[in-house]
Amino acid sequence: MSENPGITFSETMAGGFALGETDPKAGKKKGEQIGSEMAMHATVIIDDLDRFTSEPGHQGSIAGSIDLTPFGEGMHGTGPGAFSLFYPEDSNLKLMVYELAIEHDGKPYYVAGKKEVSDDGGLDLWRDTTTLFTQLHEGTDKSGPVIGAGVLRIGVKGIIELVRALRVTGTESKTEQAKTVTKFGQFFLGELWDTYVKHT
């Protein structure tokens, strides 16, 4: 029986977020001014890493919860969220997408965030892999109107903790587990992988 190793990891991203804003940068600024923030506690699940890295869109899933001023804390996802990596046409960006449906006071909302990772490398790449531009939509998907926005960060320390906590699924082989972690790290973090590994 062939093994199809997968991988799972958890990360928490938080930052200034304001209702009534549609631009993440403006929402971050306003949120910081009024003491309003969002936190996303996400566990990313990739069942088959070979399929994930080879198929266009690179689709995984997310389980997790959202804390949001003034909605409250611990709003769990109402179904599997979306995690994907893709390259828009005519762009030097790689987008990492994090999306999760939630409910508050019986109404559905949809959190849609993306990391914009440029191919320029260097210090910009450190910033890109830790920054999630986020919007809150009314309804069950991101076709609904945007009612809030902000910028969430994980921080370099959080990425290092993420690397330490990477867990391989679908195989008991220590060799396969090590290969899977390295393959994912190089795909997910690119040239930063070796830098993060040195700190773990």
C-alpha atoms as a PDB file:
ATOM      1  CA  MET A   1       0.000   0.000   0.000  1.00  0.00           C
ATOM      2  CA  SER A   2       1.514   3.302  -1.072  1.00  0.00           C
ATOM      3  CA  GLU A   3       1.718   6.142   1.390  1.00  0.00           C
ATOM      4  CA  ASN A   4       0.600   9.665   0.601  1.00  0.00           C
ATOM      5  CA  PRO A   5       2.107  11.806   3.327  1.00  0.00           C
ATOM      6  CA  GLY A   6       0.349  15.016   4.244  1.00  0.00           C
ATOM      7  CA  ILE A   7       1.116  17.778   6.666  1.00  0.00           C
ATOM      8  CA  THR A   8      -0.673  19.935   9.191  1.00  0.00           C
ATOM      9  CA  PHE A   9       0.353  23.017  11.131  1.00  0.00           C
ATOM     10  CA  SER A  10      -1.204  25.725  13.271  1.00  0.00           C
ATOM     11  CA  GLU A  11      -0.642  29.444  13.349  1.00  0.00           C
ATOM     12  CA  THR A  12      -2.230  32.452  15.023  1.00  0.00           C
ATOM     13  CA  MET A  13      -2.282  35.795  13.232  1.00  0.00           C
ATOM     14  CA  ALA A  14      -3.574  38.973  14.865  1.00  0.00           C
ATOM     15  CA  GLY A  15      -3.647  42.698  14.250  1.00  0.00           C
ATOM     16  CA  GLY A  16      -5.587  45.923  13.931  1.00  0.00           C
ATOM     17  CA  PHE A  17      -9.007  45.450  12.338  1.00  0.00           C
ATOM     18  CA  ALA A  18     -11.995  47.779  12.063  1.00  0.00           C
ATOM     19  CA  LEU A  19     -15.617  47.308  11.088  1.00  0.00           C
ATOM     20  CA  GLY A  20     -16.795  49.812   8.493  1.00  0.00           C
ATOM     21  CA  GLU A  21     -13.533  49.704   6.537  1.00  0.00           C
ATOM     22  CA  THR A  22     -12.957  47.867   3.255  1.00  0.00           C
ATOM     23  CA  ASP A  23      -9.219  48.471   2.736  1.00  0.00           C
ATOM     24  CA  PRO A  24      -7.017  46.297   4.984  1.00  0.00           C
ATOM     25  CA  LYS A  25      -4.354  48.965   5.539  1.00  0.00           C
ATOM     26  CA  ALA A  26      -6.957  51.579   6.476  1.00  0.00           C
ATOM     27  CA  GLY A  27      -8.687  49.035   8.723  1.00  0.00           C
ATOM     28  CA  LYS A  28      -5.387  48.239  10.459  1.00  0.00           C
ATOM     29  CA  LYS A  29      -4.711  51.917  11.137  1.00  0.00           C
ATOM     30  CA  LYS A  30      -8.209  52.607  12.444  1.00  0.00           C
ATOM     31  CA  GLY A  31      -8.274  49.401  14.472  1.00  0.00           C
ATOM     32  CA  GLU A  32      -5.027  50.332  16.204  1.00  0.00           C
ATOM     33  CA  GLN A  33      -6.412  53.799  16.960  1.00  0.00           C
ATOM     34  CA  ILE A  34      -9.635  52.527  18.558  1.00  0.00           C
ATOM     35  CA  GLY A  35      -8.276  49.317  20.121  1.00  0.00           C
ATOM     36  CA  SER A  36     -10.057  46.921  17.771  1.00  0.00           C
ATOM     37  CA  GLU A  37      -8.413  43.780  16.395  1.00  0.00           C
ATOM     38  CA  MET A  38      -8.957  40.404  14.812  1.00  0.00           C
ATOM     39  CA  ALA A  39      -7.132  37.164  15.526  1.00  0.00           C
ATOM     40  CA  MET A  40      -7.295  34.078  13.326  1.00  0.00           C
ATOM     41  CA  HIS A  41      -6.377  30.772  14.986  1.00  0.00           C
ATOM     42  CA  ALA A  42      -5.899  28.456  12.014  1.00  0.00           C
ATOM     43  CA  THR A  43      -4.933  24.815  11.660  1.00  0.00           C
ATOM     44  CA  VAL A  44      -3.996  24.111   8.038  1.00  0.00           C
ATOM     45  CA  ILE A  45      -4.568  20.569   6.768  1.00  0.00           C
ATOM     46  CA  ILE A  46      -2.962  19.183   3.608  1.00  0.00           C
ATOM     47  CA  ASP A  47      -3.958  15.531   3.175  1.00  0.00           C
ATOM     48  CA  ASP A  48      -1.606  14.699   0.285  1.00  0.00           C
ATOM     49  CA  LEU A  49       1.463  16.913  -0.098  1.00  0.00           C
ATOM     50  CA  ASP A  50       2.434  15.520  -3.535  1.00  0.00           C
ATOM     51  CA  ARG A  51      -1.012  16.402  -4.886  1.00  0.00           C
ATOM     52  CA  PHE A  52      -0.935  19.789  -3.147  1.00  0.00           C
ATOM     53  CA  THR A  53       2.389  20.792  -4.700  1.00  0.00           C
ATOM     54  CA  SER A  54       1.642  19.456  -8.187  1.00  0.00           C
ATOM     55  CA  GLU A  55      -1.935  20.596  -8.826  1.00  0.00           C
ATOM     56  CA  PRO A  56      -2.740  24.173  -9.890  1.00  0.00           C
ATOM     57  CA  GLY A  57      -4.237  26.184  -7.069  1.00  0.00           C
ATOM     58  CA  HIS A  58      -2.529  24.049  -4.407  1.00  0.00           C
ATOM     59  CA  GLN A  59      -5.669  23.469  -2.328  1.00  0.00           C
ATOM     60  CA  GLY A  60      -5.747  22.556   1.351  1.00  0.00           C
ATOM     61  CA  SER A  61      -8.250  23.253   4.097  1.00  0.00           C
ATOM     62  CA  ILE A  62      -8.440  25.172   7.380  1.00  0.00           C
ATOM     63  CA  ALA A  63     -10.078  24.506  10.716  1.00  0.00           C
ATOM     64  CA  GLY A  64     -10.035  27.208  13.320  1.00  0.00           C
ATOM     65  CA  SER A  65     -11.651  30.149  15.031  1.00  0.00           C
ATOM     66  CA  ILE A  66     -11.818  33.934  14.948  1.00  0.00           C
ATOM     67  CA  ASP A  67     -11.623  36.535  17.703  1.00  0.00           C
ATOM     68  CA  LEU A  68     -12.969  39.920  16.649  1.00  0.00           C
ATOM     69  CA  THR A  69     -13.597  43.171  18.463  1.00  0.00           C
ATOM     70  CA  PRO A  70     -16.505  43.762  19.130  1.00  0.00           C
ATOM     71  CA  PHE A  71     -18.026  40.393  18.105  1.00  0.00           C
ATOM     72  CA  GLY A  72     -16.234  38.374  20.785  1.00  0.00           C
ATOM     73  CA  GLU A  73     -13.811  35.448  20.977  1.00  0.00           C
ATOM     74  CA  GLY A  74     -13.786  31.829  19.881  1.00  0.00           C
ATOM     75  CA  MET A  75     -16.103  32.007  16.853  1.00  0.00           C
ATOM     76  CA  HIS A  76     -15.375  28.597  15.349  1.00  0.00           C
ATOM     77  CA  GLY A  77     -15.473  27.942  11.628  1.00  0.00           C
ATOM     78  CA  THR A  78     -18.843  26.634  10.481  1.00  0.00           C
ATOM     79  CA  GLY A  79     -17.227  24.265   7.963  1.00  0.00           C
ATOM     80  CA  PRO A  80     -13.866  23.497   6.381  1.00  0.00           C
ATOM     81  CA  GLY A  81     -12.112  26.709   5.491  1.00  0.00           C
ATOM     82  CA  ALA A  82      -9.965  27.230   2.425  1.00  0.00           C
ATOM     83  CA  PHE A  83      -6.171  27.348   2.199  1.00  0.00           C
ATOM     84  CA  SER A  84      -4.413  27.690  -1.145  1.00  0.00           C
ATOM     85  CA  LEU A  85      -1.326  29.017  -2.892  1.00  0.00           C
ATOM     86  CA  PHE A  86      -1.398  30.340  -6.421  1.00  0.00           C
ATOM     87  CA  TYR A  87       0.298  32.697  -8.836  1.00  0.00           C
ATOM     88  CA  PRO A  88      -1.898  35.352 -10.486  1.00  0.00           C
ATOM     89  CA  GLU A  89      -1.243  35.908 -14.182  1.00  0.00           C
ATOM     90  CA  ASP A  90       1.136  38.726 -15.126  1.00  0.00           C
ATOM     91  CA  SER A  91       2.384  39.068 -11.569  1.00  0.00           C
ATOM     92  CA  ASN A  92       5.533  38.330  -9.609  1.00  0.00           C
ATOM     93  CA  LEU A  93       3.421  37.579  -6.530  1.00  0.00           C
ATOM     94  CA  LYS A  94       2.554  34.275  -4.925  1.00  0.00           C
ATOM     95  CA  LEU A  95      -0.717  34.499  -2.997  1.00  0.00           C
ATOM     96  CA  MET A  96      -1.339  32.451   0.153  1.00  0.00           C
ATOM     97  CA  VAL A  97      -5.083  32.405   0.796  1.00  0.00           C
ATOM     98  CA  TYR A  98      -6.705  31.793   4.191  1.00  0.00           C
ATOM     99  CA  GLU A  99     -10.523  31.764   4.359  1.00  0.00           C
ATOM    100  CA  LEU A 100     -12.972  30.748   7.102  1.00  0.00           C
ATOM    101  CA  ALA A 101     -16.773  30.979   7.459  1.00  0.00           C
ATOM    102  CA  ILE A 102     -18.103  31.933  10.898  1.00  0.00           C
ATOM    103  CA  GLU A 103     -21.371  32.921  12.575  1.00  0.00           C
ATOM    104  CA  HIS A 104     -22.161  35.727  15.017  1.00  0.00           C
ATOM    105  CA  ASP A 105     -25.584  36.279  16.581  1.00  0.00           C
ATOM    106  CA  GLY A 106     -27.048  33.783  14.120  1.00  0.00           C
ATOM    107  CA  LYS A 107     -25.713  35.615  11.030  1.00  0.00           C
ATOM    108  CA  PRO A 108     -23.107  34.175   8.637  1.00  0.00           C
ATOM    109  CA  TYR A 109     -19.841  35.970   7.941  1.00  0.00           C
ATOM    110  CA  TYR A 110     -16.815  35.072   5.850  1.00  0.00           C
ATOM    111  CA  VAL A 111     -13.210  35.950   6.694  1.00  0.00           C
ATOM    112  CA  ALA A 112     -10.988  36.166   3.598  1.00  0.00           C
ATOM    113  CA  GLY A 113      -7.272  36.833   3.948  1.00  0.00           C
ATOM    114  CA  LYS A 114      -4.253  36.648   1.689  1.00  0.00           C
ATOM    115  CA  LYS A 115      -0.495  36.923   2.013  1.00  0.00           C
ATOM    116  CA  GLU A 116       1.132  38.598  -0.980  1.00  0.00           C
ATOM    117  CA  VAL A 117       4.595  37.052  -1.331  1.00  0.00           C
ATOM    118  CA  SER A 118       6.810  38.756  -3.909  1.00  0.00           C
ATOM    119  CA  ASP A 119       9.656  37.074  -5.739  1.00  0.00           C
ATOM    120  CA  ASP A 120      12.042  39.865  -4.803  1.00  0.00           C
ATOM    121  CA  GLY A 121      13.409  38.007  -1.784  1.00  0.00           C
ATOM    122  CA  GLY A 122      15.358  39.556   1.070  1.00  0.00           C
ATOM    123  CA  LEU A 123      13.696  41.438   3.909  1.00  0.00           C
ATOM    124  CA  ASP A 124      10.494  41.894   1.893  1.00  0.00           C
ATOM    125  CA  LEU A 125      10.040  38.121   1.857  1.00  0.00           C
ATOM    126  CA  TRP A 126      10.229  37.986   5.664  1.00  0.00           C
ATOM    127  CA  ARG A 127       7.481  40.613   5.865  1.00  0.00           C
ATOM    128  CA  ASP A 128       5.357  39.014   3.152  1.00  0.00           C
ATOM    129  CA  THR A 129       5.214  35.555   4.748  1.00  0.00           C
ATOM    130  CA  THR A 130       4.026  36.998   8.062  1.00  0.00           C
ATOM    131  CA  THR A 131       1.385  39.506   6.850  1.00  0.00           C
ATOM    132  CA  LEU A 132      -2.256  38.624   6.083  1.00  0.00           C
ATOM    133  CA  PHE A 133      -4.412  41.287   4.393  1.00  0.00           C
ATOM    134  CA  THR A 134      -7.899  40.477   5.615  1.00  0.00           C
ATOM    135  CA  GLN A 135     -11.518  41.404   4.850  1.00  0.00           C
ATOM    136  CA  LEU A 136     -14.751  40.405   6.587  1.00  0.00           C
ATOM    137  CA  HIS A 137     -17.728  39.713   4.307  1.00  0.00           C
ATOM    138  CA  GLU A 138     -21.396  39.385   5.135  1.00  0.00           C
ATOM    139  CA  GLY A 139     -22.780  36.004   4.027  1.00  0.00           C
ATOM    140  CA  THR A 140     -21.321  32.573   3.455  1.00  0.00           C
ATOM    141  CA  ASP A 141     -18.553  33.447   0.963  1.00  0.00           C
ATOM    142  CA  LYS A 142     -16.489  36.364  -0.284  1.00  0.00           C
ATOM    143  CA  SER A 143     -19.104  37.440  -2.824  1.00  0.00           C
ATOM    144  CA  GLY A 144     -20.897  39.232   0.024  1.00  0.00           C
ATOM    145  CA  PRO A 145     -20.294  42.904   0.869  1.00  0.00           C
ATOM    146  CA  VAL A 146     -17.148  43.778   2.800  1.00  0.00           C
ATOM    147  CA  ILE A 147     -18.008  45.143   6.257  1.00  0.00           C
ATOM    148  CA  GLY A 148     -14.570  45.224   7.879  1.00  0.00           C
ATOM    149  CA  ALA A 149     -10.871  44.997   7.101  1.00  0.00           C
ATOM    150  CA  GLY A 150      -7.446  44.883   8.685  1.00  0.00           C
ATOM    151  CA  VAL A 151      -3.953  43.412   8.604  1.00  0.00           C
ATOM    152  CA  LEU A 152      -3.038  40.363  10.688  1.00  0.00           C
ATOM    153  CA  ARG A 153       0.539  39.360  11.515  1.00  0.00           C
ATOM    154  CA  ILE A 154       2.106  36.169  12.809  1.00  0.00           C
ATOM    155  CA  GLY A 155       5.579  37.546  13.502  1.00  0.00           C
ATOM    156  CA  VAL A 156       8.902  35.813  12.878  1.00  0.00           C
ATOM    157  CA  LYS A 157       8.748  34.074  16.274  1.00  0.00           C
ATOM    158  CA  GLY A 158       5.363  32.647  15.318  1.00  0.00           C
ATOM    159  CA  ILE A 159       6.722  31.285  12.025  1.00  0.00           C
ATOM    160  CA  ILE A 160       9.587  29.614  13.888  1.00  0.00           C
ATOM    161  CA  GLU A 161       7.077  28.019  16.268  1.00  0.00           C
ATOM    162  CA  LEU A 162       5.031  26.917  13.243  1.00  0.00           C
ATOM    163  CA  VAL A 163       8.081  25.186  11.757  1.00  0.00           C
ATOM    164  CA  ARG A 164       8.771  23.419  15.050  1.00  0.00           C
ATOM    165  CA  ALA A 165       5.180  22.176  15.237  1.00  0.00           C
ATOM    166  CA  LEU A 166       4.826  20.853  11.677  1.00  0.00           C
ATOM    167  CA  ARG A 167       3.214  17.403  11.878  1.00  0.00           C
ATOM    168  CA  VAL A 168       3.326  14.815   9.102  1.00  0.00           C
ATOM    169  CA  THR A 169       0.304  12.587   8.478  1.00  0.00           C
ATOM    170  CA  GLY A 170      -0.146   9.436   6.384  1.00  0.00           C
ATOM    171  CA  THR A 171       3.205   7.774   7.076  1.00  0.00           C
ATOM    172  CA  GLU A 172       5.021   6.178  10.001  1.00  0.00           C
ATOM    173  CA  SER A 173       8.407   6.328   8.260  1.00  0.00           C
ATOM    174  CA  LYS A 174      10.777   8.781   9.920  1.00  0.00           C
ATOM    175  CA  THR A 175      12.609   9.188   6.617  1.00  0.00           C
ATOM    176  CA  GLU A 176       9.388  10.033   4.771  1.00  0.00           C
ATOM    177  CA  GLN A 177       8.362  12.400   7.555  1.00  0.00           C
ATOM    178  CA  ALA A 178      11.645  14.290   7.307  1.00  0.00           C
ATOM    179  CA  LYS A 179      11.411  14.463   3.494  1.00  0.00           C
ATOM    180  CA  THR A 180       7.801  15.675   3.710  1.00  0.00           C
ATOM    181  CA  VAL A 181       8.622  18.447   6.172  1.00  0.00           C
ATOM    182  CA  THR A 182      11.514  19.663   4.015  1.00  0.00           C
ATOM    183  CA  LYS A 183       9.460  19.517   0.817  1.00  0.00           C
ATOM    184  CA  PHE A 184       6.647  21.501   2.368  1.00  0.00           C
ATOM    185  CA  GLY A 185       8.967  24.029   3.972  1.00  0.00           C
ATOM    186  CA  GLN A 186      10.783  24.753   0.740  1.00  0.00           C
ATOM    187  CA  PHE A 187       7.488  25.039  -1.134  1.00  0.00           C
ATOM    188  CA  PHE A 188       5.719  27.150   1.509  1.00  0.00           C
ATOM    189  CA  LEU A 189       8.593  29.403   2.616  1.00  0.00           C
ATOM    190  CA  GLY A 190      10.880  29.161  -0.403  1.00  0.00           C
ATOM    191  CA  GLU A 191      14.343  30.576   0.167  1.00  0.00           C
ATOM    192  CA  LEU A 192      13.466  31.461   3.779  1.00  0.00           C
ATOM    193  CA  TRP A 193      13.141  27.774   4.752  1.00  0.00           C
ATOM    194  CA  ASP A 194      16.794  27.267   5.650  1.00  0.00           C
ATOM    195  CA  THR A 195      16.793  30.508   7.641  1.00  0.00           C
ATOM    196  CA  TYR A 196      13.797  29.484   9.740  1.00  0.00           C
ATOM    197  CA  VAL A 197      15.138  25.951  10.269  1.00  0.00           C
ATOM    198  CA  LYS A 198      18.334  27.345  11.789  1.00  0.00           C
ATOM    199  CA  HIS A 199      16.219  28.873  14.573  1.00  0.00           C
ATOM    200  CA  THR A 200      14.298  25.687  15.441  1.00  0.00           C
END
